[in-house]
């Protein structure tokens, strides 16, 4: 009898091992692998402003709303909501089973959202996204220290009911609520971190589908490991067991890394797109990058508007852009498509084709600039650009236009991408043919690239008039704000600060085995909630 019992125990043990082996490849036991381009600067949602940080945040936090794979708004912590007839009051009804990822399983309440939003608009927080909250009643005035924080139009009616009152109707409001700045923040935990909130795995708690592993979960500049949050109980159940993020891995051979399973998805350089298509890898693309000419306005010669205008008025766009790189599209405006304002899509309201056109007075403008600067002979002038055959052909066409119209000789300096951008950001150039990439779908944020104090302001523009237009756009009601934004783009055109040529798609590739990942444009991150791999 003992022998039979022993055999049965052995059989059950072997069956359990077989079951474990079988379950190993089930989606619920899988870990998704992805490389972050850089170390996340912080996991504090109210402060984070880079792609790596946002990718972690959208997986370890959940807002009042979420977005599905088609970017439609769906319930998040809020199971439902009501909107008043005038569109200015939103009442959110929170799930009563939403919890933080700590051991105590602390409930997520309406008070956590009040505290999170209050932190974001507090001027001392210095949130880079504070202006996104300005549609909320008194948020702008509080951020500018003109009103007391108690006047904020965000109220916890009880633990599970939140009222948000708006200053004006904003068509994008429910979408904002799914983004990192609007994530909740637990007040007690926040103050317990003594100023270190979001900087270590031990100083962050989330309420999302995943959490940073407690021990060795964040090995700075090397890796971040997320595991499923056992406290999460949303309407849907997250699929993977976790996400393993490497940080700063060499991704120059990204497709090989996908094929050998080192990563399950990757951001591609343009030269890899055709190869990815030939391999039949799934691709996701976003039009969030604009290529064009800009001038170093800190340079003595190109500080003169007439010099810049003379150059741009010499360019024959049709001839210059007779060929453009793959996955690029001719574009005649500075603010790219799908940039949003409180009134809707910027380009739909503003119209298109507003860039400087070729003009017979190009040489007159150029010579007027030389007179302004009191110079009779030009120094050597170079256009730096990407060392790519198609790009070099475009620049060659531009130089041909300039030499023919202005009777001065211009040079080309072709560089690898990293060297090109390093020169541009160090203001070590005269004219640059470079890309600018949107960090969000906000027209204001895109135009702020050229603001005097913006570190991404490659042109080096330092204009009180331009800065004032953007400040008025942020502080004004929607109609006046829109007019200020239109005037700001017109300023960049009329003063020859940036000359748009074409937009470029930004591509992500995934393994054929991977599905269910949501890639957000504009550095908003990547959501792995529904990610799964097949054998």
Protein backbone atom coordinates (compact mmCIF):
# COMPACT_ATOMS: atom_id res chain seq x y z
CA UNK A 1 0.00 0.00 0.00
CA UNK A 2 2.84 2.36 0.87
CA UNK A 3 4.47 1.54 -2.46
CA UNK A 4 1.26 2.38 -4.36
CA UNK A 5 0.88 5.66 -2.43
CA UNK A 6 4.50 6.59 -3.18
CA UNK A 7 3.95 5.94 -6.90
CA UNK A 8 0.83 8.10 -6.90
CA UNK A 9 2.73 10.97 -5.24
CA UNK A 10 5.52 10.67 -7.82
CA UNK A 11 2.98 10.65 -10.64
CA UNK A 12 1.27 13.77 -9.29
CA UNK A 13 4.65 15.48 -8.94
CA UNK A 14 5.58 14.65 -12.55
CA UNK A 15 2.20 15.88 -13.75
CA UNK A 16 2.68 19.15 -11.85
CA UNK A 17 6.06 19.63 -13.50
CA UNK A 18 4.51 18.95 -16.88
CA UNK A 19 1.81 21.48 -16.11
CA UNK A 20 4.38 24.10 -15.12
CA UNK A 21 6.27 23.51 -18.33
CA UNK A 22 3.10 23.86 -20.34
CA UNK A 23 2.05 27.05 -18.54
CA UNK A 24 5.46 28.66 -18.98
CA UNK A 25 4.53 29.95 -22.43
CA UNK A 26 1.02 31.04 -21.56
CA UNK A 27 0.51 34.84 -21.89
CA UNK A 28 -0.17 35.15 -18.15
CA UNK A 29 3.32 33.84 -17.35
CA UNK A 30 5.23 35.82 -19.95
CA UNK A 31 7.60 38.72 -19.44
CA UNK A 32 7.72 41.32 -22.21
CA UNK A 33 11.17 42.73 -23.02
CA UNK A 34 11.81 46.29 -24.18
CA UNK A 35 14.76 48.68 -24.22
CA UNK A 36 14.40 52.23 -22.94
CA UNK A 37 16.54 54.72 -24.84
CA UNK A 38 17.64 56.45 -21.64
CA UNK A 39 17.39 56.32 -17.85
CA UNK A 40 14.00 57.55 -16.64
CA UNK A 41 14.53 60.93 -14.99
CA UNK A 42 11.75 60.35 -12.47
CA UNK A 43 8.69 58.19 -11.95
CA UNK A 44 6.80 61.13 -10.44
CA UNK A 45 3.90 61.56 -12.92
CA UNK A 46 3.44 65.24 -12.11
CA UNK A 47 7.04 66.03 -13.09
CA UNK A 48 8.06 63.42 -15.69
CA UNK A 49 8.52 64.75 -19.21
CA UNK A 50 10.59 62.18 -21.10
CA UNK A 51 9.63 59.09 -23.07
CA UNK A 52 11.40 56.58 -20.81
CA UNK A 53 9.76 57.92 -17.66
CA UNK A 54 6.32 58.07 -19.27
CA UNK A 55 6.60 54.48 -20.51
CA UNK A 56 7.12 53.24 -16.95
CA UNK A 57 4.46 55.58 -15.53
CA UNK A 58 1.65 54.49 -17.87
CA UNK A 59 2.24 50.92 -16.74
CA UNK A 60 2.49 51.45 -12.98
CA UNK A 61 -0.22 54.13 -12.70
CA UNK A 62 -3.81 54.43 -13.87
CA UNK A 63 -5.74 57.67 -14.36
CA UNK A 64 -9.44 58.35 -14.16
CA UNK A 65 -9.62 57.22 -17.80
CA UNK A 66 -7.60 54.90 -20.03
CA UNK A 67 -7.32 54.55 -23.80
CA UNK A 68 -7.81 51.36 -25.77
CA UNK A 69 -5.77 50.16 -28.76
CA UNK A 70 -7.70 52.57 -31.00
CA UNK A 71 -7.06 55.47 -28.58
CA UNK A 72 -10.72 55.59 -27.60
CA UNK A 73 -11.42 56.73 -24.03
CA UNK A 74 -12.45 53.90 -21.68
CA UNK A 75 -12.92 53.73 -17.88
CA UNK A 76 -9.83 53.71 -15.68
CA UNK A 77 -10.12 54.30 -11.94
CA UNK A 78 -13.39 56.04 -12.76
CA UNK A 79 -15.97 53.39 -13.63
CA UNK A 80 -18.26 56.08 -15.10
CA UNK A 81 -18.77 59.84 -15.30
CA UNK A 82 -21.41 62.48 -15.97
CA UNK A 83 -20.91 65.70 -17.93
CA UNK A 84 -23.12 68.73 -17.28
CA UNK A 85 -25.19 70.19 -20.11
CA UNK A 86 -22.86 73.17 -20.43
CA UNK A 87 -19.81 70.86 -20.68
CA UNK A 88 -18.06 72.52 -17.74
CA UNK A 89 -18.66 70.03 -14.91
CA UNK A 90 -17.42 66.43 -14.86
CA UNK A 91 -18.49 64.11 -12.04
CA UNK A 92 -16.43 60.92 -11.82
CA UNK A 93 -17.52 57.80 -9.93
CA UNK A 94 -14.48 55.83 -8.82
CA UNK A 95 -14.22 52.09 -8.39
CA UNK A 96 -14.38 51.12 -4.72
CA UNK A 97 -11.89 48.28 -5.31
CA UNK A 98 -9.00 50.43 -6.58
CA UNK A 99 -5.87 50.10 -4.43
CA UNK A 100 -2.30 51.32 -4.24
CA UNK A 101 0.50 48.80 -4.77
CA UNK A 102 1.78 48.91 -1.17
CA UNK A 103 1.61 46.04 1.32
CA UNK A 104 -1.15 47.78 3.25
CA UNK A 105 -3.33 47.75 0.13
CA UNK A 106 -4.33 51.38 0.67
CA UNK A 107 -7.52 52.37 -1.23
CA UNK A 108 -7.22 54.84 -4.10
CA UNK A 109 -9.66 57.67 -3.44
CA UNK A 110 -10.89 60.88 -5.00
CA UNK A 111 -8.60 62.71 -2.56
CA UNK A 112 -5.56 61.18 -4.30
CA UNK A 113 -6.61 62.79 -7.58
CA UNK A 114 -7.21 66.13 -5.87
CA UNK A 115 -3.72 65.99 -4.36
CA UNK A 116 -2.08 64.93 -7.64
CA UNK A 117 -3.66 67.76 -9.63
CA UNK A 118 -2.98 70.25 -6.84
CA UNK A 119 0.69 69.27 -6.86
CA UNK A 120 0.92 69.66 -10.63
CA UNK A 121 -0.35 73.24 -10.63
CA UNK A 122 1.55 74.32 -7.52
CA UNK A 123 4.24 76.69 -8.81
CA UNK A 124 6.74 75.14 -6.37
CA UNK A 125 6.39 71.77 -8.10
CA UNK A 126 7.58 73.34 -11.37
CA UNK A 127 5.67 70.78 -13.41
CA UNK A 128 6.59 71.06 -17.11
CA UNK A 129 2.97 70.17 -17.91
CA UNK A 130 1.25 72.68 -15.62
CA UNK A 131 -0.38 74.51 -18.55
CA UNK A 132 -2.28 71.33 -19.54
CA UNK A 133 -4.35 71.84 -16.39
CA UNK A 134 -5.32 75.41 -17.23
CA UNK A 135 -8.71 74.30 -18.56
CA UNK A 136 -9.60 73.48 -14.92
CA UNK A 137 -11.28 76.26 -12.96
CA UNK A 138 -8.70 78.56 -11.30
CA UNK A 139 -5.78 76.24 -12.14
CA UNK A 140 -4.00 78.93 -14.14
CA UNK A 141 -4.44 81.59 -11.45
CA UNK A 142 -3.19 79.20 -8.76
CA UNK A 143 -0.16 78.23 -10.84
CA UNK A 144 0.66 81.94 -11.24
CA UNK A 145 0.18 82.53 -7.49
CA UNK A 146 -2.79 84.81 -8.11
CA UNK A 147 -5.34 82.68 -6.25
CA UNK A 148 -5.34 80.37 -3.25
CA UNK A 149 -5.08 76.62 -3.81
CA UNK A 150 -8.44 76.17 -2.06
CA UNK A 151 -10.20 77.73 -5.09
CA UNK A 152 -9.17 74.89 -7.43
CA UNK A 153 -12.10 73.43 -9.35
CA UNK A 154 -11.32 69.87 -8.24
CA UNK A 155 -13.34 68.53 -5.30
CA UNK A 156 -13.61 65.14 -3.61
CA UNK A 157 -17.36 64.93 -2.86
CA UNK A 158 -16.61 61.72 -0.98
CA UNK A 159 -13.97 58.99 -1.18
CA UNK A 160 -15.29 57.70 -4.50
CA UNK A 161 -16.83 60.74 -6.18
CA UNK A 162 -14.74 63.48 -7.80
CA UNK A 163 -16.03 66.74 -9.25
CA UNK A 164 -13.89 68.67 -11.76
CA UNK A 165 -15.07 72.08 -12.93
CA UNK A 166 -13.60 73.64 -16.08
CA UNK A 167 -12.90 77.26 -17.01
CA UNK A 168 -13.88 76.51 -20.60
CA UNK A 169 -14.82 73.55 -22.75
CA UNK A 170 -11.81 71.51 -23.85
CA UNK A 171 -12.49 68.72 -26.34
CA UNK A 172 -9.39 66.85 -25.22
CA UNK A 173 -10.14 66.82 -21.48
CA UNK A 174 -11.04 63.13 -21.07
CA UNK A 175 -7.94 62.21 -23.05
CA UNK A 176 -5.75 64.36 -20.77
CA UNK A 177 -7.05 62.38 -17.80
CA UNK A 178 -5.39 59.22 -19.12
CA UNK A 179 -1.96 60.89 -19.38
CA UNK A 180 0.83 60.90 -16.73
CA UNK A 181 0.35 64.41 -15.26
CA UNK A 182 -3.22 63.54 -14.22
CA UNK A 183 -2.29 60.36 -12.34
CA UNK A 184 -3.23 60.17 -8.63
CA UNK A 185 -0.76 60.80 -5.83
CA UNK A 186 -1.14 59.46 -2.28
CA UNK A 187 -0.46 62.41 0.02
CA UNK A 188 0.72 60.42 3.04
CA UNK A 189 3.15 58.31 1.02
CA UNK A 190 4.40 61.34 -0.92
CA UNK A 191 5.44 63.17 2.25
CA UNK A 192 6.96 60.01 3.73
CA UNK A 193 9.59 59.96 0.93
CA UNK A 194 11.18 63.21 2.15
CA UNK A 195 11.65 64.73 -1.30
CA UNK A 196 12.71 61.47 -2.99
CA UNK A 197 9.32 60.61 -4.49
CA UNK A 198 9.70 58.71 -7.75
CA UNK A 199 13.49 58.50 -7.67
CA UNK A 200 13.87 54.93 -6.38
CA UNK A 201 11.76 51.78 -6.47
CA UNK A 202 11.28 52.18 -2.70
CA UNK A 203 9.95 55.75 -3.04
CA UNK A 204 7.14 55.10 -5.49
CA UNK A 205 3.80 53.36 -5.24
CA UNK A 206 1.43 53.12 -8.16
CA UNK A 207 -2.13 52.06 -8.76
CA UNK A 208 -1.69 50.54 -12.20
CA UNK A 209 -1.58 47.02 -13.57
CA UNK A 210 2.14 46.65 -12.80
CA UNK A 211 4.58 47.73 -10.12
CA UNK A 212 8.34 48.10 -9.87
CA UNK A 213 9.78 45.02 -8.18
CA UNK A 214 10.50 45.86 -4.56
CA UNK A 215 14.04 44.45 -4.43
CA UNK A 216 16.50 45.38 -7.16
CA UNK A 217 13.63 46.42 -9.39
CA UNK A 218 15.37 49.58 -10.57
CA UNK A 219 19.06 49.16 -11.31
CA UNK A 220 19.81 52.70 -12.41
CA UNK A 221 21.06 53.12 -16.00
CA UNK A 222 20.85 49.34 -16.50
CA UNK A 223 17.34 47.97 -16.05
CA UNK A 224 13.86 48.32 -14.56
CA UNK A 225 11.74 45.26 -13.83
CA UNK A 226 7.98 45.45 -13.52
CA UNK A 227 5.79 42.69 -12.17
CA UNK A 228 2.02 42.37 -12.09
CA UNK A 229 0.45 44.42 -9.30
CA UNK A 230 -1.51 41.92 -7.16
CA UNK A 231 -3.56 44.82 -5.74
CA UNK A 232 -4.87 45.88 -9.16
CA UNK A 233 -8.54 45.08 -9.84
CA UNK A 234 -9.71 47.08 -12.84
CA UNK A 235 -12.45 46.22 -15.32
CA UNK A 236 -9.89 44.20 -17.31
CA UNK A 237 -7.10 41.93 -16.14
CA UNK A 238 -3.55 42.67 -17.34
CA UNK A 239 -2.15 39.86 -19.48
CA UNK A 240 1.65 39.58 -19.02
CA UNK A 241 3.34 38.65 -15.76
CA UNK A 242 5.73 41.56 -16.09
CA UNK A 243 7.92 43.77 -18.26
CA UNK A 244 11.72 43.67 -18.30
CA UNK A 245 13.17 47.01 -19.41
CA UNK A 246 16.82 47.28 -20.31
CA UNK A 247 18.19 50.84 -20.38
CA UNK A 248 20.43 52.33 -23.05
CA UNK A 249 21.23 49.06 -24.81
CA UNK A 250 22.97 49.38 -28.20
CA UNK A 251 20.03 49.09 -30.60
CA UNK A 252 21.92 49.71 -33.84
CA UNK A 253 20.96 46.19 -34.94
CA UNK A 254 17.43 46.41 -33.54
CA UNK A 255 15.88 43.94 -35.98
CA UNK A 256 18.36 41.21 -35.07
CA UNK A 257 17.59 41.83 -31.38
CA UNK A 258 13.88 41.40 -32.10
CA UNK A 259 14.44 38.24 -34.12
CA UNK A 260 16.66 36.59 -31.50
CA UNK A 261 14.26 37.48 -28.68
CA UNK A 262 16.51 39.94 -26.85
CA UNK A 263 13.69 42.48 -27.11
CA UNK A 264 10.09 42.07 -28.22
CA UNK A 265 9.75 45.52 -29.80
CA UNK A 266 11.98 48.45 -30.72
CA UNK A 267 12.05 51.99 -32.04
CA UNK A 268 13.51 51.89 -35.55
CA UNK A 269 15.80 54.22 -37.41
CA UNK A 270 14.44 55.04 -40.88
CA UNK A 271 17.09 52.96 -42.63
CA UNK A 272 15.73 49.84 -40.89
CA UNK A 273 12.11 50.25 -42.01
CA UNK A 274 12.46 48.55 -45.42
CA UNK A 275 14.33 45.65 -43.83
CA UNK A 276 11.59 45.30 -41.20
CA UNK A 277 8.96 45.23 -43.95
CA UNK A 278 10.92 42.58 -45.83
CA UNK A 279 10.95 40.51 -42.64
CA UNK A 280 7.14 41.02 -42.36
CA UNK A 281 7.50 42.45 -38.88
CA UNK A 282 4.47 44.37 -37.57
CA UNK A 283 5.10 48.15 -37.74
CA UNK A 284 3.49 51.09 -35.94
CA UNK A 285 4.19 54.62 -37.13
CA UNK A 286 3.62 58.21 -36.00
CA UNK A 287 4.01 61.45 -37.94
CA UNK A 288 5.56 63.52 -35.17
CA UNK A 289 8.84 64.69 -36.73
CA UNK A 290 9.36 67.72 -39.00
CA UNK A 291 12.52 68.28 -41.06
CA UNK A 292 13.49 71.74 -42.21
CA UNK A 293 16.09 74.49 -42.40
CA UNK A 294 16.89 76.62 -39.41
CA UNK A 295 19.43 79.34 -38.76
CA UNK A 296 21.68 79.97 -35.82
CA UNK A 297 20.29 83.36 -34.84
CA UNK A 298 23.13 83.74 -32.34
CA UNK A 299 25.54 83.93 -35.27
CA UNK A 300 26.35 87.55 -36.24
CA UNK A 301 25.40 87.05 -39.90
CA UNK A 302 22.20 85.12 -39.28
CA UNK A 303 21.00 87.36 -36.51
CA UNK A 304 19.74 89.58 -39.36
CA UNK A 305 16.18 88.81 -40.51
CA UNK A 306 16.77 90.07 -44.07
CA UNK A 307 19.72 87.71 -44.56
CA UNK A 308 17.54 84.79 -43.50
CA UNK A 309 14.60 85.93 -45.64
CA UNK A 310 16.84 86.38 -48.68
CA UNK A 311 18.00 82.77 -48.38
CA UNK A 312 14.55 81.25 -47.93
CA UNK A 313 12.99 83.36 -50.70
CA UNK A 314 15.63 81.92 -53.06
CA UNK A 315 14.46 78.33 -52.62
CA UNK A 316 12.35 76.69 -55.32
CA UNK A 317 10.46 74.11 -53.27
CA UNK A 318 9.32 72.00 -56.21
CA UNK A 319 12.85 71.69 -57.60
CA UNK A 320 14.48 71.30 -54.20
CA UNK A 321 12.10 68.55 -53.08
CA UNK A 322 11.94 66.60 -56.33
CA UNK A 323 12.96 63.60 -54.21
CA UNK A 324 12.66 63.11 -50.46
CA UNK A 325 13.64 60.23 -48.14
CA UNK A 326 11.46 57.16 -47.76
CA UNK A 327 8.57 57.42 -45.28
CA UNK A 328 8.63 61.21 -45.51
CA UNK A 329 5.92 63.56 -46.78
CA UNK A 330 6.12 67.06 -48.25
CA UNK A 331 4.95 69.64 -45.72
CA UNK A 332 4.50 73.40 -46.00
CA UNK A 333 3.84 74.44 -42.39
CA UNK A 334 5.65 74.60 -39.06
CA UNK A 335 2.98 73.22 -36.71
CA UNK A 336 2.54 69.62 -37.84
CA UNK A 337 -0.74 67.77 -38.37
CA UNK A 338 -2.84 66.59 -35.43
CA UNK A 339 -1.55 69.27 -33.05
CA UNK A 340 -4.46 70.13 -30.77
CA UNK A 341 -5.78 73.32 -29.15
CA UNK A 342 -8.74 73.84 -26.83
CA UNK A 343 -10.82 74.55 -29.96
CA UNK A 344 -9.65 71.45 -31.84
CA UNK A 345 -7.04 70.63 -34.48
CA UNK A 346 -4.70 73.58 -35.09
CA UNK A 347 -4.29 73.04 -38.84
CA UNK A 348 -8.03 72.58 -39.40
CA UNK A 349 -8.66 75.98 -37.81
CA UNK A 350 -5.59 77.84 -39.07
CA UNK A 351 -5.33 76.50 -42.61
CA UNK A 352 -2.24 75.26 -44.42
CA UNK A 353 0.55 76.21 -46.82
CA UNK A 354 1.71 79.27 -44.85
CA UNK A 355 5.49 78.93 -45.21
CA UNK A 356 7.71 81.42 -47.07
CA UNK A 357 7.54 81.08 -50.87
CA UNK A 358 10.14 81.73 -53.57
CA UNK A 359 10.16 85.45 -54.37
CA UNK A 360 11.82 87.71 -56.98
CA UNK A 361 12.93 90.08 -54.22
CA UNK A 362 15.14 87.42 -52.59
CA UNK A 363 18.40 89.12 -53.57
CA UNK A 364 17.09 92.54 -52.49
CA UNK A 365 16.32 91.15 -49.03
CA UNK A 366 19.74 89.52 -48.81
CA UNK A 367 21.61 92.67 -49.85
CA UNK A 368 19.50 94.75 -47.46
CA UNK A 369 20.72 92.43 -44.71
CA UNK A 370 24.34 92.95 -45.74
CA UNK A 371 23.78 96.70 -45.59
CA UNK A 372 22.20 96.33 -42.14
CA UNK A 373 25.32 94.50 -40.98
CA UNK A 374 27.64 96.85 -42.88
CA UNK A 375 29.44 94.03 -44.68
CA UNK A 376 30.49 93.82 -48.34
CA UNK A 377 31.92 90.31 -48.45
CA UNK A 378 30.32 87.21 -47.00
CA UNK A 379 32.23 84.76 -44.85
CA UNK A 380 32.20 81.08 -45.82
CA UNK A 381 28.69 79.69 -45.21
CA UNK A 382 27.92 76.00 -44.66
CA UNK A 383 24.68 74.05 -44.34
CA UNK A 384 25.05 71.09 -42.01
CA UNK A 385 22.85 68.10 -42.80
CA UNK A 386 22.45 64.35 -42.38
CA UNK A 387 24.94 62.20 -44.25
CA UNK A 388 22.25 60.54 -46.36
CA UNK A 389 22.17 60.45 -50.18
CA UNK A 390 18.64 61.86 -50.53
CA UNK A 391 19.20 64.55 -47.90
CA UNK A 392 22.47 65.58 -49.52
CA UNK A 393 20.70 65.83 -52.86
CA UNK A 394 18.07 68.16 -51.31
CA UNK A 395 20.78 70.36 -49.79
CA UNK A 396 22.67 70.34 -53.09
CA UNK A 397 19.50 71.62 -54.79
CA UNK A 398 19.14 74.35 -52.16
CA UNK A 399 22.75 75.43 -52.65
CA UNK A 400 22.18 75.53 -56.42
CA UNK A 401 19.19 77.84 -55.84
CA UNK A 402 21.19 80.07 -53.50
CA UNK A 403 24.25 80.30 -55.72
CA UNK A 404 22.10 81.14 -58.76
CA UNK A 405 19.94 83.76 -57.04
CA UNK A 406 22.33 85.39 -54.59
CA UNK A 407 25.61 84.95 -56.50
CA UNK A 408 27.40 83.71 -53.41
CA UNK A 409 28.86 80.25 -52.86
CA UNK A 410 27.42 78.06 -50.09
CA UNK A 411 28.88 74.79 -48.76
CA UNK A 412 27.50 71.52 -47.44
CA UNK A 413 28.73 69.59 -44.40
CA UNK A 414 27.17 66.11 -44.17
CA UNK A 415 27.33 64.42 -40.76
CA UNK A 416 26.15 61.25 -38.98
CA UNK A 417 22.90 61.86 -37.09
CA UNK A 418 24.42 62.06 -33.60
CA UNK A 419 27.13 64.47 -34.76
CA UNK A 420 24.55 66.58 -36.61
CA UNK A 421 22.36 66.99 -33.56
CA UNK A 422 25.34 67.59 -31.25
CA UNK A 423 26.51 70.45 -33.47
CA UNK A 424 23.01 71.87 -33.70
CA UNK A 425 22.36 71.83 -29.95
CA UNK A 426 25.75 73.34 -29.19
CA UNK A 427 24.99 76.23 -31.62
CA UNK A 428 28.07 75.25 -33.62
CA UNK A 429 26.55 75.91 -37.06
CA UNK A 430 25.29 78.60 -39.42
CA UNK A 431 22.44 76.88 -41.27
CA UNK A 432 21.16 73.43 -40.31
CA UNK A 433 18.86 70.97 -42.06
CA UNK A 434 17.53 69.15 -39.02
CA UNK A 435 14.49 67.41 -37.47
CA UNK A 436 12.31 68.69 -34.65
CA UNK A 437 10.10 66.15 -32.90
CA UNK A 438 6.85 66.81 -31.05
CA UNK A 439 6.80 65.76 -27.39
CA UNK A 440 3.00 65.95 -27.18
CA UNK A 441 -0.01 66.63 -29.39
CA UNK A 442 -0.32 70.17 -28.01
CA UNK A 443 0.16 73.02 -30.50
CA UNK A 444 1.34 75.26 -27.66
CA UNK A 445 3.97 72.74 -26.59
CA UNK A 446 5.21 72.36 -30.18
CA UNK A 447 5.57 76.12 -30.68
CA UNK A 448 7.35 76.38 -27.32
CA UNK A 449 10.31 74.63 -28.96
CA UNK A 450 11.36 78.11 -30.16
CA UNK A 451 10.76 79.86 -26.84
CA UNK A 452 13.78 81.79 -25.57
CA UNK A 453 14.36 79.61 -22.49
CA UNK A 454 13.72 76.23 -24.17
CA UNK A 455 16.78 73.97 -24.27
CA UNK A 456 15.44 72.46 -27.53
CA UNK A 457 15.49 75.89 -29.21
CA UNK A 458 18.15 75.04 -31.81
CA UNK A 459 17.60 78.32 -33.67
CA UNK A 460 18.60 80.22 -30.53
CA UNK A 461 15.64 82.56 -31.02
CA UNK A 462 15.47 85.14 -28.24
CA UNK A 463 12.31 87.15 -28.87
CA UNK A 464 10.24 88.97 -26.27
CA UNK A 465 7.44 89.29 -28.83
CA UNK A 466 7.35 85.56 -29.58
CA UNK A 467 7.55 84.58 -25.91
CA UNK A 468 4.71 86.96 -25.09
CA UNK A 469 2.48 85.40 -27.76
CA UNK A 470 2.96 81.97 -26.20
CA UNK A 471 2.35 83.27 -22.70
CA UNK A 472 -0.88 84.93 -23.88
CA UNK A 473 -1.88 81.69 -25.62
CA UNK A 474 -1.50 79.82 -22.33
CA UNK A 475 -3.30 82.43 -20.23
CA UNK A 476 -6.17 83.37 -22.56
CA UNK A 477 -9.63 81.99 -23.31
CA UNK A 478 -9.74 79.47 -26.21
CA UNK A 479 -10.59 81.94 -29.02
CA UNK A 480 -7.89 84.46 -28.11
CA UNK A 481 -5.45 81.64 -27.35
CA UNK A 482 -5.96 80.30 -30.86
CA UNK A 483 -5.25 83.70 -32.41
CA UNK A 484 -2.05 83.96 -30.38
CA UNK A 485 -0.92 80.53 -31.59
CA UNK A 486 -1.60 81.47 -35.22
CA UNK A 487 0.37 84.70 -34.71
CA UNK A 488 3.23 82.71 -33.15
CA UNK A 489 3.51 80.41 -36.17
CA UNK A 490 3.28 83.44 -38.48
CA UNK A 491 6.12 85.05 -36.52
CA UNK A 492 8.37 82.04 -37.17
CA UNK A 493 7.52 82.16 -40.89
CA UNK A 494 7.80 85.93 -41.40
CA UNK A 495 11.07 86.12 -39.49
CA UNK A 496 12.55 83.09 -41.27
CA UNK A 497 13.27 81.14 -38.09
CA UNK A 498 12.37 77.69 -39.39
CA UNK A 499 11.63 76.58 -42.95
CA UNK A 500 9.57 73.34 -43.10
CA UNK A 501 10.33 70.81 -45.82
CA UNK A 502 8.83 67.42 -44.93
CA UNK A 503 7.45 65.34 -42.10
CA UNK A 504 8.87 61.94 -41.24
CA UNK A 505 7.22 58.86 -39.82
CA UNK A 506 8.67 57.46 -36.60
CA UNK A 507 8.46 53.66 -36.57
CA UNK A 508 8.26 50.95 -33.95
CA UNK A 509 8.66 47.29 -34.91
CA UNK A 510 7.45 44.33 -32.90
CA UNK A 511 8.14 40.64 -32.97
CA UNK A 512 5.65 38.58 -35.00
CA UNK A 513 4.89 36.79 -31.74
CA UNK A 514 3.86 39.97 -29.91
CA UNK A 515 0.43 41.61 -29.94
CA UNK A 516 -1.72 43.92 -27.85
CA UNK A 517 0.88 46.64 -27.17
CA UNK A 518 -0.32 50.26 -27.36
CA UNK A 519 2.30 52.69 -28.64
CA UNK A 520 1.50 56.32 -27.91
CA UNK A 521 2.89 59.08 -30.10
CA UNK A 522 4.69 62.16 -28.85
CA UNK A 523 6.76 60.36 -26.19
CA UNK A 524 3.63 59.57 -24.13
CA UNK A 525 4.93 56.06 -23.53
CA UNK A 526 4.05 52.45 -24.32
CA UNK A 527 1.25 50.51 -22.61
CA UNK A 528 1.87 46.77 -22.13
CA UNK A 529 -1.42 46.03 -20.32
CA UNK A 530 -2.73 43.66 -23.05
CA UNK A 531 0.64 42.50 -24.40
CA UNK A 532 1.04 38.80 -25.15
CA UNK A 533 3.39 36.55 -27.06
CA UNK A 534 2.56 33.43 -28.99
CA UNK A 535 4.95 30.55 -29.58
